[in-house]
Amino acid sequence: MSLPVSVDWTPTYLAKLPPRPWGDPFGDCVAASMCYAMELRGILQGYPAVRLSERFLFVVGEYPVVAATTGVCSEALWPMVVPSDFGNDYAAFMAAVNATPSLAAYTDAQNYKLVDYEYPMDFGYPTTRAGMIEKVQTYIAAGIPLCVFYPPNHEVVAWGYDQNGVLGLDSRSANPGTYSLSYDTIFTDSIMAIKSVLFKGTASLPPPTGNTQMLIDTIVADAGALVLGKVTQAQIDKLKADVGLLVADGTAPPTTGTSPDGTIIPPAASITDASGGVWTLGTVMQPYGYPVLLNGVQATQGGQAIKLAWQAGVIRETISTGSTRYWDGKQWVVG
């Protein structure tokens, strides 16, 4: 197959979305490159252009499997923050960067998912320079953007190439325009190919209904973090989004009976199993997710997840690395 001498999808992207701001202050290049790649892939698949939240991906986990299971919410639901929002108080700024995303953001994330990827890219053994260049060019020419390591400690999206190397937008550049990375500099063992995404749009999933202790605790924690004279728009937006999920207790639907097969938290607020046990997620992020609560008590030490599912009469959890386990009635079992 004859490939074009050069390809550059940058104009296609910029016709729909502006480049990310210089520096994206907390400096997470991995999340930025993944969001760039998913955004372009969505545009090329014919979806309406959407700016994804690298701040969300940074907190939830910069792994393709997380983008495939949890998804990535839109920037509007979990926007970028900058030090000036906090009077250049770095500690307050970093606390906001690392804050747990809102329930509304988690719900929205299910609308924007990575459904097919290759990581790391397989160049065969032994890897040859010519073979690597051919596969990189073949993918990019087909509209499959790549996330590549840019020495010494950087990650960029590659969605173009020429005879010298790959091209793309660099959100860490003082001038956020295109960059060029030589083929001889590419680390072949860490390239991620974003092959396909599924963007459903925010109207495709209903918001959670009914009040939960997780939702109330989240709102209380967010309100408690407000400091007079330092209230930011990001804090306001998060509170509004979560408060908007509340319903008057007299109007919330009863939670009696077993949950329908396929119920997932989030967006569901809880799952009721066949024995009447009520499963929810806690509010404090732990190494592998939120505490998994059964009737308000953590379901054994180590019960942590970013997603719970009720499938064929079994509770399954997905942790932040993408691994899954099921509840056998006493403990979590891999499988």
C-alpha atoms as a PDB file:
ATOM      1  CA  MET A   1       0.000   0.000   0.000  1.00  0.00           C
ATOM      2  CA  SER A   2       1.325   3.408  -0.985  1.00  0.00           C
ATOM      3  CA  LEU A   3       1.194   5.980   1.820  1.00  0.00           C
ATOM      4  CA  PRO A   4       1.078   9.770   1.439  1.00  0.00           C
ATOM      5  CA  VAL A   5       4.459  11.482   1.774  1.00  0.00           C
ATOM      6  CA  SER A   6       3.031  13.553   4.620  1.00  0.00           C
ATOM      7  CA  VAL A   7      -0.191  13.794   6.634  1.00  0.00           C
ATOM      8  CA  ASP A   8      -1.286  16.367   9.208  1.00  0.00           C
ATOM      9  CA  TRP A   9      -4.699  16.297  10.891  1.00  0.00           C
ATOM     10  CA  THR A  10      -4.004  19.522  12.817  1.00  0.00           C
ATOM     11  CA  PRO A  11      -6.165  21.736  10.523  1.00  0.00           C
ATOM     12  CA  THR A  12      -9.057  19.266  10.877  1.00  0.00           C
ATOM     13  CA  TYR A  13      -8.818  19.472  14.660  1.00  0.00           C
ATOM     14  CA  LEU A  14      -8.415  23.258  14.813  1.00  0.00           C
ATOM     15  CA  ALA A  15     -11.437  23.730  12.555  1.00  0.00           C
ATOM     16  CA  LYS A  16     -13.522  22.268  15.406  1.00  0.00           C
ATOM     17  CA  LEU A  17     -11.622  22.958  18.641  1.00  0.00           C
ATOM     18  CA  PRO A  18      -8.953  25.442  19.787  1.00  0.00           C
ATOM     19  CA  PRO A  19      -5.574  24.233  21.087  1.00  0.00           C
ATOM     20  CA  ARG A  20      -5.298  23.575  24.795  1.00  0.00           C
ATOM     21  CA  PRO A  21      -3.994  26.530  26.825  1.00  0.00           C
ATOM     22  CA  TRP A  22      -0.270  26.844  27.253  1.00  0.00           C
ATOM     23  CA  GLY A  23       1.013  24.729  30.080  1.00  0.00           C
ATOM     24  CA  ASP A  24      -2.403  23.543  31.297  1.00  0.00           C
ATOM     25  CA  PRO A  25      -1.033  24.619  34.647  1.00  0.00           C
ATOM     26  CA  PHE A  26      -0.768  21.397  36.626  1.00  0.00           C
ATOM     27  CA  GLY A  27       1.386  20.030  33.819  1.00  0.00           C
ATOM     28  CA  ASP A  28      -0.159  16.663  33.053  1.00  0.00           C
ATOM     29  CA  CYS A  29       0.964  15.855  29.536  1.00  0.00           C
ATOM     30  CA  VAL A  30      -0.289  12.242  29.536  1.00  0.00           C
ATOM     31  CA  ALA A  31      -3.907  13.222  30.197  1.00  0.00           C
ATOM     32  CA  ALA A  32      -3.618  16.095  27.694  1.00  0.00           C
ATOM     33  CA  SER A  33      -2.302  13.838  24.921  1.00  0.00           C
ATOM     34  CA  MET A  34      -5.014  11.214  25.533  1.00  0.00           C
ATOM     35  CA  CYS A  35      -7.755  13.860  25.472  1.00  0.00           C
ATOM     36  CA  TYR A  36      -6.332  15.368  22.277  1.00  0.00           C
ATOM     37  CA  ALA A  37      -6.256  11.940  20.617  1.00  0.00           C
ATOM     38  CA  MET A  38      -9.803  10.991  21.683  1.00  0.00           C
ATOM     39  CA  GLU A  39     -11.135  14.385  20.580  1.00  0.00           C
ATOM     40  CA  LEU A  40      -9.628  14.087  17.092  1.00  0.00           C
ATOM     41  CA  ARG A  41     -10.758  10.489  16.724  1.00  0.00           C
ATOM     42  CA  GLY A  42     -14.286  11.575  17.651  1.00  0.00           C
ATOM     43  CA  ILE A  43     -14.206  14.344  15.041  1.00  0.00           C
ATOM     44  CA  LEU A  44     -12.994  11.932  12.347  1.00  0.00           C
ATOM     45  CA  GLN A  45     -15.725   9.453  13.281  1.00  0.00           C
ATOM     46  CA  GLY A  46     -18.322  12.166  12.693  1.00  0.00           C
ATOM     47  CA  TYR A  47     -19.261  12.990  16.286  1.00  0.00           C
ATOM     48  CA  PRO A  48     -19.893  16.593  17.375  1.00  0.00           C
ATOM     49  CA  ALA A  49     -16.625  18.077  18.628  1.00  0.00           C
ATOM     50  CA  VAL A  50     -16.249  18.047  22.398  1.00  0.00           C
ATOM     51  CA  ARG A  51     -13.458  19.242  24.665  1.00  0.00           C
ATOM     52  CA  LEU A  52     -12.659  16.461  27.138  1.00  0.00           C
ATOM     53  CA  SER A  53     -11.480  17.084  30.695  1.00  0.00           C
ATOM     54  CA  GLU A  54      -7.825  16.226  31.178  1.00  0.00           C
ATOM     55  CA  ARG A  55      -8.250  17.231  34.818  1.00  0.00           C
ATOM     56  CA  PHE A  56     -10.837  14.428  35.179  1.00  0.00           C
ATOM     57  CA  LEU A  57      -8.567  11.881  33.496  1.00  0.00           C
ATOM     58  CA  PHE A  58      -5.614  13.038  35.608  1.00  0.00           C
ATOM     59  CA  VAL A  59      -7.485  12.286  38.850  1.00  0.00           C
ATOM     60  CA  VAL A  60      -9.365   9.135  37.837  1.00  0.00           C
ATOM     61  CA  GLY A  61      -6.387   7.488  36.131  1.00  0.00           C
ATOM     62  CA  GLU A  62      -4.330   8.071  32.995  1.00  0.00           C
ATOM     63  CA  TYR A  63      -4.837   4.599  31.598  1.00  0.00           C
ATOM     64  CA  PRO A  64      -6.555   3.612  28.356  1.00  0.00           C
ATOM     65  CA  VAL A  65      -8.589   1.034  30.239  1.00  0.00           C
ATOM     66  CA  VAL A  66      -9.978   3.806  32.482  1.00  0.00           C
ATOM     67  CA  ALA A  67     -10.964   5.851  29.431  1.00  0.00           C
ATOM     68  CA  ALA A  68     -12.629   2.688  28.123  1.00  0.00           C
ATOM     69  CA  THR A  69     -14.562   1.786  31.293  1.00  0.00           C
ATOM     70  CA  THR A  70     -15.178   4.996  33.241  1.00  0.00           C
ATOM     71  CA  GLY A  71     -14.839   7.329  30.254  1.00  0.00           C
ATOM     72  CA  VAL A  72     -13.766  10.975  30.262  1.00  0.00           C
ATOM     73  CA  CYS A  73     -16.222  13.763  31.031  1.00  0.00           C
ATOM     74  CA  SER A  74     -16.475  16.974  29.058  1.00  0.00           C
ATOM     75  CA  GLU A  75     -14.399  19.981  30.070  1.00  0.00           C
ATOM     76  CA  ALA A  76     -17.624  21.814  30.896  1.00  0.00           C
ATOM     77  CA  LEU A  77     -18.408  19.332  33.691  1.00  0.00           C
ATOM     78  CA  TRP A  78     -14.921  19.287  35.265  1.00  0.00           C
ATOM     79  CA  PRO A  79     -13.052  22.351  33.996  1.00  0.00           C
ATOM     80  CA  MET A  80      -9.400  23.229  34.206  1.00  0.00           C
ATOM     81  CA  VAL A  81      -8.260  25.331  37.159  1.00  0.00           C
ATOM     82  CA  VAL A  82      -5.362  27.781  37.224  1.00  0.00           C
ATOM     83  CA  PRO A  83      -3.293  29.141  40.137  1.00  0.00           C
ATOM     84  CA  SER A  84      -4.755  32.635  39.741  1.00  0.00           C
ATOM     85  CA  ASP A  85      -8.178  31.200  40.673  1.00  0.00           C
ATOM     86  CA  PHE A  86      -6.746  30.756  44.161  1.00  0.00           C
ATOM     87  CA  GLY A  87      -4.762  33.963  44.506  1.00  0.00           C
ATOM     88  CA  ASN A  88      -1.661  31.964  43.541  1.00  0.00           C
ATOM     89  CA  ASP A  89      -2.071  29.881  46.697  1.00  0.00           C
ATOM     90  CA  TYR A  90      -0.315  26.759  45.399  1.00  0.00           C
ATOM     91  CA  ALA A  91      -1.582  24.438  48.133  1.00  0.00           C
ATOM     92  CA  ALA A  92      -5.194  25.439  47.450  1.00  0.00           C
ATOM     93  CA  PHE A  93      -4.617  25.134  43.719  1.00  0.00           C
ATOM     94  CA  MET A  94      -3.230  21.584  43.993  1.00  0.00           C
ATOM     95  CA  ALA A  95      -6.058  20.588  46.328  1.00  0.00           C
ATOM     96  CA  ALA A  96      -8.498  21.643  43.610  1.00  0.00           C
ATOM     97  CA  VAL A  97      -6.500  19.810  40.927  1.00  0.00           C
ATOM     98  CA  ASN A  98      -6.617  16.573  42.929  1.00  0.00           C
ATOM     99  CA  ALA A  99     -10.217  16.945  44.117  1.00  0.00           C
ATOM    100  CA  THR A 100     -12.602  14.070  43.476  1.00  0.00           C
ATOM    101  CA  PRO A 101     -14.722  14.854  40.400  1.00  0.00           C
ATOM    102  CA  SER A 102     -18.404  15.524  40.921  1.00  0.00           C
ATOM    103  CA  LEU A 103     -21.045  12.847  40.480  1.00  0.00           C
ATOM    104  CA  ALA A 104     -22.323  14.811  37.495  1.00  0.00           C
ATOM    105  CA  ALA A 105     -18.846  14.552  35.947  1.00  0.00           C
ATOM    106  CA  TYR A 106     -18.731  10.789  36.491  1.00  0.00           C
ATOM    107  CA  THR A 107     -22.172  10.444  34.915  1.00  0.00           C
ATOM    108  CA  ASP A 108     -21.148  12.541  31.919  1.00  0.00           C
ATOM    109  CA  ALA A 109     -17.940  10.527  31.492  1.00  0.00           C
ATOM    110  CA  GLN A 110     -19.950   7.495  30.421  1.00  0.00           C
ATOM    111  CA  ASN A 111     -20.902   9.395  27.283  1.00  0.00           C
ATOM    112  CA  TYR A 112     -17.306   9.705  26.058  1.00  0.00           C
ATOM    113  CA  LYS A 113     -15.435   6.424  25.983  1.00  0.00           C
ATOM    114  CA  LEU A 114     -12.466   4.835  24.301  1.00  0.00           C
ATOM    115  CA  VAL A 115     -13.672   1.581  22.719  1.00  0.00           C
ATOM    116  CA  ASP A 116     -10.638   0.343  20.784  1.00  0.00           C
ATOM    117  CA  TYR A 117      -6.957   1.015  21.352  1.00  0.00           C
ATOM    118  CA  GLU A 118      -3.560  -0.616  21.019  1.00  0.00           C
ATOM    119  CA  TYR A 119      -1.159  -0.192  23.919  1.00  0.00           C
ATOM    120  CA  PRO A 120       1.651  -0.628  23.563  1.00  0.00           C
ATOM    121  CA  MET A 121       1.712  -0.738  19.783  1.00  0.00           C
ATOM    122  CA  ASP A 122       3.033  -4.036  18.463  1.00  0.00           C
ATOM    123  CA  PHE A 123       5.870  -3.580  15.954  1.00  0.00           C
ATOM    124  CA  GLY A 124       6.825  -7.230  15.842  1.00  0.00           C
ATOM    125  CA  TYR A 125      10.103  -8.789  16.897  1.00  0.00           C
ATOM    126  CA  PRO A 126      12.706  -7.747  16.263  1.00  0.00           C
ATOM    127  CA  THR A 127      11.486  -4.187  15.796  1.00  0.00           C
ATOM    128  CA  THR A 128      13.030  -2.480  12.794  1.00  0.00           C
ATOM    129  CA  ARG A 129      13.150   1.245  12.112  1.00  0.00           C
ATOM    130  CA  ALA A 130      11.506   0.793   8.725  1.00  0.00           C
ATOM    131  CA  GLY A 131       8.754  -1.394  10.181  1.00  0.00           C
ATOM    132  CA  MET A 132       8.075   1.073  12.974  1.00  0.00           C
ATOM    133  CA  ILE A 133       7.879   4.039  10.594  1.00  0.00           C
ATOM    134  CA  GLU A 134       5.559   2.184   8.224  1.00  0.00           C
ATOM    135  CA  LYS A 135       3.095   1.212  10.953  1.00  0.00           C
ATOM    136  CA  VAL A 136       3.137   4.681  12.545  1.00  0.00           C
ATOM    137  CA  GLN A 137       2.474   6.293   9.176  1.00  0.00           C
ATOM    138  CA  THR A 138      -0.212   3.749   8.280  1.00  0.00           C
ATOM    139  CA  TYR A 139      -2.139   4.441  11.484  1.00  0.00           C
ATOM    140  CA  ILE A 140      -1.855   8.215  11.243  1.00  0.00           C
ATOM    141  CA  ALA A 141      -2.836   8.227   7.543  1.00  0.00           C
ATOM    142  CA  ALA A 142      -5.947   6.248   8.555  1.00  0.00           C
ATOM    143  CA  GLY A 143      -6.855   8.906  11.120  1.00  0.00           C
ATOM    144  CA  ILE A 144      -5.678   6.942  14.164  1.00  0.00           C
ATOM    145  CA  PRO A 145      -3.857   9.382  16.483  1.00  0.00           C
ATOM    146  CA  LEU A 146      -1.016   8.183  18.682  1.00  0.00           C
ATOM    147  CA  CYS A 147       0.222   9.178  22.133  1.00  0.00           C
ATOM    148  CA  VAL A 148       4.023   9.071  22.125  1.00  0.00           C
ATOM    149  CA  PHE A 149       6.809   9.712  24.610  1.00  0.00           C
ATOM    150  CA  TYR A 150       8.799  12.882  23.927  1.00  0.00           C
ATOM    151  CA  PRO A 151      12.203  12.661  25.674  1.00  0.00           C
ATOM    152  CA  PRO A 152      13.236  13.358  28.310  1.00  0.00           C
ATOM    153  CA  ASN A 153       9.959  13.465  30.284  1.00  0.00           C
ATOM    154  CA  HIS A 154       7.051  14.431  28.093  1.00  0.00           C
ATOM    155  CA  GLU A 155       4.029  12.934  26.299  1.00  0.00           C
ATOM    156  CA  VAL A 156       2.470  14.320  23.117  1.00  0.00           C
ATOM    157  CA  VAL A 157      -0.236  13.441  20.629  1.00  0.00           C
ATOM    158  CA  ALA A 158       1.002  12.456  17.157  1.00  0.00           C
ATOM    159  CA  TRP A 159      -1.584  12.887  14.400  1.00  0.00           C
ATOM    160  CA  GLY A 160       0.681  13.862  11.518  1.00  0.00           C
ATOM    161  CA  TYR A 161       3.952  12.835   9.937  1.00  0.00           C
ATOM    162  CA  ASP A 162       6.471  13.780   7.272  1.00  0.00           C
ATOM    163  CA  GLN A 163       9.787  12.335   6.143  1.00  0.00           C
ATOM    164  CA  ASN A 164      11.518  13.459   9.336  1.00  0.00           C
ATOM    165  CA  GLY A 165       9.121  12.344  12.063  1.00  0.00           C
ATOM    166  CA  VAL A 166       5.691  12.708  13.642  1.00  0.00           C
ATOM    167  CA  LEU A 167       3.716  15.924  14.145  1.00  0.00           C
ATOM    168  CA  GLY A 168       1.006  17.144  16.485  1.00  0.00           C
ATOM    169  CA  LEU A 169      -0.141  19.810  18.914  1.00  0.00           C
ATOM    170  CA  ASP A 170       1.938  20.268  22.046  1.00  0.00           C
ATOM    171  CA  SER A 171       0.025  21.627  25.039  1.00  0.00           C
ATOM    172  CA  ARG A 172       3.276  22.070  26.949  1.00  0.00           C
ATOM    173  CA  SER A 173       4.914  24.381  24.411  1.00  0.00           C
ATOM    174  CA  ALA A 174       5.336  28.081  25.183  1.00  0.00           C
ATOM    175  CA  ASN A 175       3.650  28.446  21.802  1.00  0.00           C
ATOM    176  CA  PRO A 176       0.981  25.726  21.693  1.00  0.00           C
ATOM    177  CA  GLY A 177       1.364  25.019  18.002  1.00  0.00           C
ATOM    178  CA  THR A 178       2.680  22.018  16.140  1.00  0.00           C
ATOM    179  CA  TYR A 179       5.869  20.187  17.085  1.00  0.00           C
ATOM    180  CA  SER A 180       8.017  17.683  15.211  1.00  0.00           C
ATOM    181  CA  LEU A 181       9.544  14.585  16.809  1.00  0.00           C
ATOM    182  CA  SER A 182      12.176  12.596  14.933  1.00  0.00           C
ATOM    183  CA  TYR A 183      11.473   8.929  14.240  1.00  0.00           C
ATOM    184  CA  ASP A 184      14.842   8.148  15.819  1.00  0.00           C
ATOM    185  CA  THR A 185      13.661   9.643  19.120  1.00  0.00           C
ATOM    186  CA  ILE A 186      10.397   7.710  19.445  1.00  0.00           C
ATOM    187  CA  PHE A 187      10.232   5.121  22.223  1.00  0.00           C
ATOM    188  CA  THR A 188       8.548   2.185  20.474  1.00  0.00           C
ATOM    189  CA  ASP A 189       7.600   0.357  23.683  1.00  0.00           C
ATOM    190  CA  SER A 190       5.233   3.052  24.973  1.00  0.00           C
ATOM    191  CA  ILE A 191       3.149   4.239  21.979  1.00  0.00           C
ATOM    192  CA  MET A 192      -0.624   4.228  22.443  1.00  0.00           C
ATOM    193  CA  ALA A 193      -2.918   4.109  19.385  1.00  0.00           C
ATOM    194  CA  ILE A 194      -6.435   5.541  19.812  1.00  0.00           C
ATOM    195  CA  LYS A 195      -8.383   3.496  17.263  1.00  0.00           C
ATOM    196  CA  SER A 196     -12.030   4.166  18.060  1.00  0.00           C
ATOM    197  CA  VAL A 197     -14.217   6.133  20.473  1.00  0.00           C
ATOM    198  CA  LEU A 198     -17.918   6.196  21.304  1.00  0.00           C
ATOM    199  CA  PHE A 199     -19.424   9.606  22.030  1.00  0.00           C
ATOM    200  CA  LYS A 200     -23.086   9.392  22.992  1.00  0.00           C
ATOM    201  CA  GLY A 201     -23.674  13.005  24.018  1.00  0.00           C
ATOM    202  CA  THR A 202     -24.859  14.258  27.377  1.00  0.00           C
ATOM    203  CA  ALA A 203     -28.528  13.618  26.598  1.00  0.00           C
ATOM    204  CA  SER A 204     -28.077   9.873  26.174  1.00  0.00           C
ATOM    205  CA  LEU A 205     -27.759   8.953  29.848  1.00  0.00           C
ATOM    206  CA  PRO A 206     -30.271   9.956  32.511  1.00  0.00           C
ATOM    207  CA  PRO A 207     -28.851  11.549  35.665  1.00  0.00           C
ATOM    208  CA  PRO A 208     -28.941   9.568  38.891  1.00  0.00           C
ATOM    209  CA  THR A 209     -32.245   9.818  40.746  1.00  0.00           C
ATOM    210  CA  GLY A 210     -32.821   9.764  44.468  1.00  0.00           C
ATOM    211  CA  ASN A 211     -30.677  11.022  47.335  1.00  0.00           C
ATOM    212  CA  THR A 212     -27.754   8.992  48.642  1.00  0.00           C
ATOM    213  CA  GLN A 213     -25.363   9.532  51.506  1.00  0.00           C
ATOM    214  CA  MET A 214     -22.546   9.645  48.938  1.00  0.00           C
ATOM    215  CA  LEU A 215     -24.195  12.574  47.181  1.00  0.00           C
ATOM    216  CA  ILE A 216     -24.935  14.421  50.424  1.00  0.00           C
ATOM    217  CA  ASP A 217     -21.411  13.845  51.778  1.00  0.00           C
ATOM    218  CA  THR A 218     -19.946  15.141  48.510  1.00  0.00           C
ATOM    219  CA  ILE A 219     -21.996  18.333  48.688  1.00  0.00           C
ATOM    220  CA  VAL A 220     -21.130  18.885  52.357  1.00  0.00           C
ATOM    221  CA  ALA A 221     -17.405  18.361  51.668  1.00  0.00           C
ATOM    222  CA  ASP A 222     -17.482  20.751  48.714  1.00  0.00           C
ATOM    223  CA  ALA A 223     -19.325  23.400  50.687  1.00  0.00           C
ATOM    224  CA  GLY A 224     -16.917  22.998  53.589  1.00  0.00           C
ATOM    225  CA  ALA A 225     -13.987  23.685  51.256  1.00  0.00           C
ATOM    226  CA  LEU A 226     -15.284  27.160  50.396  1.00  0.00           C
ATOM    227  CA  VAL A 227     -13.162  29.994  51.801  1.00  0.00           C
ATOM    228  CA  LEU A 228     -14.452  33.544  51.927  1.00  0.00           C
ATOM    229  CA  GLY A 229     -12.644  35.615  49.345  1.00  0.00           C
ATOM    230  CA  LYS A 230     -11.290  32.550  47.509  1.00  0.00           C
ATOM    231  CA  VAL A 231     -14.422  31.014  46.005  1.00  0.00           C
ATOM    232  CA  THR A 232     -13.717  29.902  42.427  1.00  0.00           C
ATOM    233  CA  GLN A 233     -15.990  29.345  39.460  1.00  0.00           C
ATOM    234  CA  ALA A 234     -14.890  25.705  39.384  1.00  0.00           C
ATOM    235  CA  GLN A 235     -16.139  25.243  42.961  1.00  0.00           C
ATOM    236  CA  ILE A 236     -19.430  26.934  42.105  1.00  0.00           C
ATOM    237  CA  ASP A 237     -19.936  24.772  39.017  1.00  0.00           C
ATOM    238  CA  LYS A 238     -19.228  21.563  40.939  1.00  0.00           C
ATOM    239  CA  LEU A 239     -21.639  22.460  43.735  1.00  0.00           C
ATOM    240  CA  LYS A 240     -24.354  23.428  41.253  1.00  0.00           C
ATOM    241  CA  ALA A 241     -23.932  20.156  39.363  1.00  0.00           C
ATOM    242  CA  ASP A 242     -24.210  18.016  42.499  1.00  0.00           C
ATOM    243  CA  VAL A 243     -26.992  20.007  44.145  1.00  0.00           C
ATOM    244  CA  GLY A 244     -28.899  19.662  40.875  1.00  0.00           C
ATOM    245  CA  LEU A 245     -29.012  15.888  41.452  1.00  0.00           C
ATOM    246  CA  LEU A 246     -30.907  16.253  44.734  1.00  0.00           C
ATOM    247  CA  VAL A 247     -34.631  15.532  44.854  1.00  0.00           C
ATOM    248  CA  ALA A 248     -37.153  16.264  47.601  1.00  0.00           C
ATOM    249  CA  ASP A 249     -37.308  13.162  49.797  1.00  0.00           C
ATOM    250  CA  GLY A 250     -41.036  12.837  49.278  1.00  0.00           C
ATOM    251  CA  THR A 251     -40.567  12.560  45.511  1.00  0.00           C
ATOM    252  CA  ALA A 252     -37.682  10.119  45.270  1.00  0.00           C
ATOM    253  CA  PRO A 253     -38.736   6.723  43.869  1.00  0.00           C
ATOM    254  CA  PRO A 254     -38.683   3.858  46.378  1.00  0.00           C
ATOM    255  CA  THR A 255     -35.643   1.608  46.211  1.00  0.00           C
ATOM    256  CA  THR A 256     -37.452  -1.632  47.044  1.00  0.00           C
ATOM    257  CA  GLY A 257     -36.798  -4.791  45.088  1.00  0.00           C
ATOM    258  CA  THR A 258     -33.743  -6.107  43.300  1.00  0.00           C
ATOM    259  CA  SER A 259     -32.072  -3.727  40.870  1.00  0.00           C
ATOM    260  CA  PRO A 260     -32.500  -4.502  37.167  1.00  0.00           C
ATOM    261  CA  ASP A 261     -29.749  -6.608  35.620  1.00  0.00           C
ATOM    262  CA  GLY A 262     -27.071  -4.367  34.161  1.00  0.00           C
ATOM    263  CA  THR A 263     -27.446  -1.566  36.731  1.00  0.00           C
ATOM    264  CA  ILE A 264     -24.151   0.362  37.042  1.00  0.00           C
ATOM    265  CA  ILE A 265     -22.852   2.859  39.640  1.00  0.00           C
ATOM    266  CA  PRO A 266     -22.425   5.563  38.432  1.00  0.00           C
ATOM    267  CA  PRO A 267     -24.837   6.790  37.036  1.00  0.00           C
ATOM    268  CA  ALA A 268     -27.095   4.772  39.354  1.00  0.00           C
ATOM    269  CA  ALA A 269     -26.938   5.917  42.973  1.00  0.00           C
ATOM    270  CA  SER A 270     -27.179   2.401  44.423  1.00  0.00           C
ATOM    271  CA  ILE A 271     -27.675  -1.290  43.611  1.00  0.00           C
ATOM    272  CA  THR A 272     -29.974  -3.608  45.545  1.00  0.00           C
ATOM    273  CA  ASP A 273     -28.915  -7.247  45.282  1.00  0.00           C
ATOM    274  CA  ALA A 274     -31.129 -10.330  45.427  1.00  0.00           C
ATOM    275  CA  SER A 275     -30.822 -10.568  49.213  1.00  0.00           C
ATOM    276  CA  GLY A 276     -31.876  -6.943  49.725  1.00  0.00           C
ATOM    277  CA  GLY A 277     -28.355  -5.654  50.340  1.00  0.00           C
ATOM    278  CA  VAL A 278     -27.808  -2.084  49.170  1.00  0.00           C
ATOM    279  CA  TRP A 279     -24.500  -1.326  47.468  1.00  0.00           C
ATOM    280  CA  THR A 280     -23.085   2.194  47.129  1.00  0.00           C
ATOM    281  CA  LEU A 281     -19.722   3.912  46.667  1.00  0.00           C
ATOM    282  CA  GLY A 282     -18.137   6.061  49.370  1.00  0.00           C
ATOM    283  CA  THR A 283     -16.835   9.569  48.817  1.00  0.00           C
ATOM    284  CA  VAL A 284     -13.130   9.476  49.743  1.00  0.00           C
ATOM    285  CA  MET A 285     -10.835   8.353  46.922  1.00  0.00           C
ATOM    286  CA  GLN A 286      -8.482   5.528  47.932  1.00  0.00           C
ATOM    287  CA  PRO A 287      -5.581   4.032  45.940  1.00  0.00           C
ATOM    288  CA  TYR A 288      -7.831   1.939  43.673  1.00  0.00           C
ATOM    289  CA  GLY A 289     -11.149   3.759  43.841  1.00  0.00           C
ATOM    290  CA  TYR A 290     -13.901   4.672  46.280  1.00  0.00           C
ATOM    291  CA  PRO A 291     -14.853   2.439  49.226  1.00  0.00           C
ATOM    292  CA  VAL A 292     -17.407  -0.176  48.202  1.00  0.00           C
ATOM    293  CA  LEU A 293     -20.186  -0.048  50.794  1.00  0.00           C
ATOM    294  CA  LEU A 294     -22.700  -2.803  51.542  1.00  0.00           C
ATOM    295  CA  ASN A 295     -25.503  -1.410  53.677  1.00  0.00           C
ATOM    296  CA  GLY A 296     -23.245   1.512  54.554  1.00  0.00           C
ATOM    297  CA  VAL A 297     -20.250  -0.605  55.645  1.00  0.00           C
ATOM    298  CA  GLN A 298     -17.158  -1.260  53.530  1.00  0.00           C
ATOM    299  CA  ALA A 299     -17.423  -4.730  51.989  1.00  0.00           C
ATOM    300  CA  THR A 300     -14.191  -6.171  53.447  1.00  0.00           C
ATOM    301  CA  GLN A 301     -10.855  -4.409  53.561  1.00  0.00           C
ATOM    302  CA  GLY A 302      -9.691  -3.636  50.042  1.00  0.00           C
ATOM    303  CA  GLY A 303     -13.171  -3.187  48.605  1.00  0.00           C
ATOM    304  CA  GLN A 304     -12.465  -0.187  46.353  1.00  0.00           C
ATOM    305  CA  ALA A 305     -13.861   0.664  42.913  1.00  0.00           C
ATOM    306  CA  ILE A 306     -14.547   3.362  40.366  1.00  0.00           C
ATOM    307  CA  LYS A 307     -17.548   1.383  39.094  1.00  0.00           C
ATOM    308  CA  LEU A 308     -19.970  -1.230  40.448  1.00  0.00           C
ATOM    309  CA  ALA A 309     -22.158  -3.399  38.234  1.00  0.00           C
ATOM    310  CA  TRP A 310     -25.024  -5.820  38.891  1.00  0.00           C
ATOM    311  CA  GLN A 311     -24.707  -8.541  36.255  1.00  0.00           C
ATOM    312  CA  ALA A 312     -26.427 -11.926  36.168  1.00  0.00           C
ATOM    313  CA  GLY A 313     -27.016 -11.855  39.914  1.00  0.00           C
ATOM    314  CA  VAL A 314     -23.429 -10.931  40.791  1.00  0.00           C
ATOM    315  CA  ILE A 315     -21.884  -7.684  42.059  1.00  0.00           C
ATOM    316  CA  ARG A 316     -18.770  -6.762  40.075  1.00  0.00           C
ATOM    317  CA  GLU A 317     -16.311  -3.980  40.828  1.00  0.00           C
ATOM    318  CA  THR A 318     -13.869  -2.236  38.489  1.00  0.00           C
ATOM    319  CA  ILE A 319     -10.830  -0.630  40.118  1.00  0.00           C
ATOM    320  CA  SER A 320      -8.813   2.325  38.832  1.00  0.00           C
ATOM    321  CA  THR A 321      -6.336   0.120  36.947  1.00  0.00           C
ATOM    322  CA  GLY A 322      -9.193  -1.471  34.999  1.00  0.00           C
ATOM    323  CA  SER A 323      -9.068  -4.846  36.767  1.00  0.00           C
ATOM    324  CA  THR A 324     -12.374  -6.435  37.788  1.00  0.00           C
ATOM    325  CA  ARG A 325     -13.457  -8.615  40.696  1.00  0.00           C
ATOM    326  CA  TYR A 326     -16.767 -10.125  41.823  1.00  0.00           C
ATOM    327  CA  TRP A 327     -18.327 -10.551  45.268  1.00  0.00           C
ATOM    328  CA  ASP A 328     -18.777 -14.203  46.277  1.00  0.00           C
ATOM    329  CA  GLY A 329     -20.766 -13.341  49.384  1.00  0.00           C
ATOM    330  CA  LYS A 330     -17.775 -13.055  51.677  1.00  0.00           C
ATOM    331  CA  GLN A 331     -14.891 -11.563  49.715  1.00  0.00           C
ATOM    332  CA  TRP A 332     -13.759 -10.117  46.380  1.00  0.00           C
ATOM    333  CA  VAL A 333     -12.564 -12.693  43.851  1.00  0.00           C
ATOM    334  CA  VAL A 334     -10.566 -11.923  40.711  1.00  0.00           C
ATOM    335  CA  GLY A 335     -12.440 -12.859  37.572  1.00  0.00           C
END
